[in-house]
């Protein structure tokens, strides 16, 4: 009998659609890196932390 693989207890469950969680993650994990750090988004062009930081702050100013 084939059973589905057990989920690893070390892998956290994430809520990818939760905007506050995403913003917190970007702010707390990415924006603390040096500005020249290259980011491969997986859904667009390669960028850097410094290039994207102002966009996050603009989103926060709009109330996200």
N, C-alpha and C. Protein backbone atom coordinates (compact mmCIF):
# COMPACT_ATOMS: atom_id res chain seq x y z
N UNK A 1 0.84 -1.18 0.00
CA UNK A 1 0.00 0.00 0.00
C UNK A 1 0.89 1.25 0.00
N UNK A 2 0.64 2.16 -0.92
CA UNK A 2 1.41 3.40 -0.98
C UNK A 2 0.77 4.44 -0.09
N UNK A 3 1.57 4.98 0.79
CA UNK A 3 1.09 6.04 1.68
C UNK A 3 1.81 7.33 1.34
N UNK A 4 1.14 8.46 1.52
CA UNK A 4 1.82 9.74 1.27
C UNK A 4 2.96 9.92 2.26
N UNK A 5 3.99 10.60 1.80
CA UNK A 5 5.13 10.86 2.67
C UNK A 5 4.71 11.73 3.84
N UNK A 6 5.28 11.44 4.99
CA UNK A 6 4.98 12.24 6.18
C UNK A 6 5.57 13.63 6.02
N UNK A 7 4.87 14.59 6.51
CA UNK A 7 5.36 15.97 6.45
C UNK A 7 6.47 16.15 7.48
N UNK A 8 7.54 16.77 7.09
CA UNK A 8 8.66 17.01 7.99
C UNK A 8 8.23 17.96 9.10
N UNK A 9 8.56 17.64 10.32
CA UNK A 9 8.21 18.52 11.44
C UNK A 9 9.09 19.76 11.47
N UNK A 10 10.19 19.74 10.72
CA UNK A 10 11.09 20.90 10.68
C UNK A 10 10.67 21.92 9.65
N UNK A 11 9.75 21.58 8.80
CA UNK A 11 9.31 22.49 7.75
C UNK A 11 8.07 23.24 8.21
N UNK A 12 8.17 24.55 8.39
CA UNK A 12 7.02 25.30 8.90
C UNK A 12 5.91 25.42 7.87
N UNK A 13 4.71 25.50 8.35
CA UNK A 13 3.57 25.76 7.49
C UNK A 13 3.54 27.27 7.27
N UNK A 14 3.45 27.68 6.01
CA UNK A 14 3.47 29.11 5.71
C UNK A 14 2.16 29.53 5.08
N UNK A 15 1.80 30.76 5.34
CA UNK A 15 0.61 31.34 4.72
C UNK A 15 1.09 32.35 3.68
N UNK A 16 1.19 31.91 2.43
CA UNK A 16 1.73 32.76 1.38
C UNK A 16 0.79 33.90 0.99
N UNK A 17 -0.47 33.81 1.29
CA UNK A 17 -1.40 34.85 0.91
C UNK A 17 -1.65 35.88 1.98
N UNK A 18 -1.01 35.76 3.12
CA UNK A 18 -1.22 36.66 4.25
C UNK A 18 -0.26 37.84 4.12
N UNK A 19 -0.77 38.99 3.67
CA UNK A 19 0.08 40.14 3.39
C UNK A 19 0.90 40.58 4.61
N UNK A 20 0.33 40.72 5.80
CA UNK A 20 1.15 41.12 6.94
C UNK A 20 2.31 40.15 7.21
N UNK A 21 2.09 38.86 7.03
CA UNK A 21 3.15 37.88 7.23
C UNK A 21 4.25 38.05 6.20
N UNK A 22 3.86 38.26 4.94
CA UNK A 22 4.84 38.45 3.87
C UNK A 22 5.65 39.71 4.13
N UNK A 23 4.99 40.80 4.48
CA UNK A 23 5.69 42.06 4.74
C UNK A 23 6.66 41.90 5.90
N UNK A 24 6.20 41.27 6.98
CA UNK A 24 7.08 41.04 8.13
C UNK A 24 8.31 40.23 7.73
N UNK A 25 8.11 39.19 6.93
CA UNK A 25 9.20 38.34 6.50
C UNK A 25 10.20 39.12 5.65
N UNK A 26 9.71 39.90 4.70
CA UNK A 26 10.60 40.68 3.84
C UNK A 26 11.36 41.70 4.68
N UNK A 27 10.65 42.39 5.56
CA UNK A 27 11.29 43.41 6.39
C UNK A 27 12.33 42.80 7.33
N UNK A 28 11.97 41.70 7.99
CA UNK A 28 12.82 41.13 9.03
C UNK A 28 13.92 40.22 8.51
N UNK A 29 13.76 39.67 7.30
CA UNK A 29 14.75 38.72 6.79
C UNK A 29 15.53 39.23 5.58
N UNK A 30 14.91 40.04 4.76
CA UNK A 30 15.60 40.52 3.56
C UNK A 30 16.17 41.92 3.72
N UNK A 31 15.40 42.84 4.27
CA UNK A 31 15.87 44.22 4.34
C UNK A 31 17.01 44.42 5.31
N UNK A 32 17.30 43.42 6.13
CA UNK A 32 18.44 43.52 7.05
C UNK A 32 19.75 43.13 6.35
N UNK A 33 19.64 42.60 5.13
CA UNK A 33 20.83 42.20 4.37
C UNK A 33 21.45 43.43 3.72
N UNK A 34 22.73 43.35 3.36
CA UNK A 34 23.36 44.48 2.65
C UNK A 34 22.60 44.82 1.37
N UNK A 35 22.55 46.10 1.03
CA UNK A 35 21.80 46.55 -0.14
C UNK A 35 22.23 45.90 -1.44
N UNK A 36 23.48 45.53 -1.55
CA UNK A 36 23.98 44.91 -2.78
C UNK A 36 23.62 43.43 -2.91
N UNK A 37 22.95 42.87 -1.90
CA UNK A 37 22.57 41.47 -1.94
C UNK A 37 21.62 41.23 -3.11
N UNK A 38 21.97 40.26 -3.96
CA UNK A 38 21.17 39.93 -5.13
C UNK A 38 19.99 39.05 -4.70
N UNK A 39 18.81 39.38 -5.24
CA UNK A 39 17.60 38.64 -4.94
C UNK A 39 17.06 38.05 -6.24
N UNK A 40 16.88 36.73 -6.26
CA UNK A 40 16.27 36.03 -7.39
C UNK A 40 14.82 35.74 -6.98
N UNK A 41 13.91 36.54 -7.48
CA UNK A 41 12.53 36.49 -7.00
C UNK A 41 11.77 35.24 -7.40
N UNK A 42 12.13 34.65 -8.51
CA UNK A 42 11.40 33.49 -8.99
C UNK A 42 10.18 33.86 -9.81
N UNK A 43 9.87 35.15 -9.90
CA UNK A 43 8.70 35.58 -10.68
C UNK A 43 8.96 36.87 -11.42
N UNK A 44 10.23 37.20 -11.60
CA UNK A 44 10.59 38.42 -12.31
C UNK A 44 12.08 38.51 -12.47
N UNK A 45 12.53 39.69 -12.81
CA UNK A 45 13.95 39.90 -13.01
C UNK A 45 14.71 39.83 -11.69
N UNK A 46 15.98 39.50 -11.78
CA UNK A 46 16.86 39.55 -10.62
C UNK A 46 16.99 41.00 -10.19
N UNK A 47 17.07 41.23 -8.88
CA UNK A 47 17.13 42.58 -8.35
C UNK A 47 18.06 42.59 -7.15
N UNK A 48 18.09 43.68 -6.42
CA UNK A 48 18.89 43.77 -5.20
C UNK A 48 18.01 44.25 -4.06
N UNK A 49 18.48 44.04 -2.85
CA UNK A 49 17.75 44.51 -1.68
C UNK A 49 17.56 46.02 -1.75
N UNK A 50 18.61 46.75 -2.12
CA UNK A 50 18.54 48.22 -2.17
C UNK A 50 17.52 48.71 -3.20
N UNK A 51 17.39 47.99 -4.32
CA UNK A 51 16.44 48.40 -5.36
C UNK A 51 15.00 48.18 -4.92
N UNK A 52 14.76 47.18 -4.11
CA UNK A 52 13.39 46.83 -3.72
C UNK A 52 12.92 47.47 -2.42
N UNK A 53 13.84 47.86 -1.56
CA UNK A 53 13.47 48.41 -0.25
C UNK A 53 12.51 49.59 -0.34
N UNK A 54 12.75 50.57 -1.22
CA UNK A 54 11.81 51.71 -1.28
C UNK A 54 10.39 51.28 -1.65
N UNK A 55 10.26 50.23 -2.46
CA UNK A 55 8.92 49.78 -2.85
C UNK A 55 8.17 49.19 -1.66
N UNK A 56 8.89 48.49 -0.78
CA UNK A 56 8.23 47.95 0.41
C UNK A 56 7.74 49.08 1.29
N UNK A 57 8.59 50.08 1.50
CA UNK A 57 8.17 51.19 2.36
C UNK A 57 6.99 51.93 1.73
N UNK A 58 6.96 52.05 0.42
CA UNK A 58 5.82 52.71 -0.25
C UNK A 58 4.54 51.91 -0.02
N UNK A 59 4.62 50.59 -0.07
CA UNK A 59 3.45 49.74 0.20
C UNK A 59 2.97 49.93 1.63
N UNK A 60 3.90 49.99 2.55
CA UNK A 60 3.53 50.17 3.96
C UNK A 60 2.87 51.53 4.18
N UNK A 61 3.37 52.54 3.49
CA UNK A 61 2.78 53.89 3.60
C UNK A 61 1.34 53.92 3.07
N UNK A 62 1.04 53.05 2.09
CA UNK A 62 -0.31 52.97 1.53
C UNK A 62 -1.25 52.15 2.42
N UNK A 63 -0.71 51.54 3.48
CA UNK A 63 -1.57 50.84 4.41
C UNK A 63 -1.55 49.32 4.32
N UNK A 64 -0.60 48.77 3.63
CA UNK A 64 -0.50 47.30 3.56
C UNK A 64 0.12 46.77 4.81
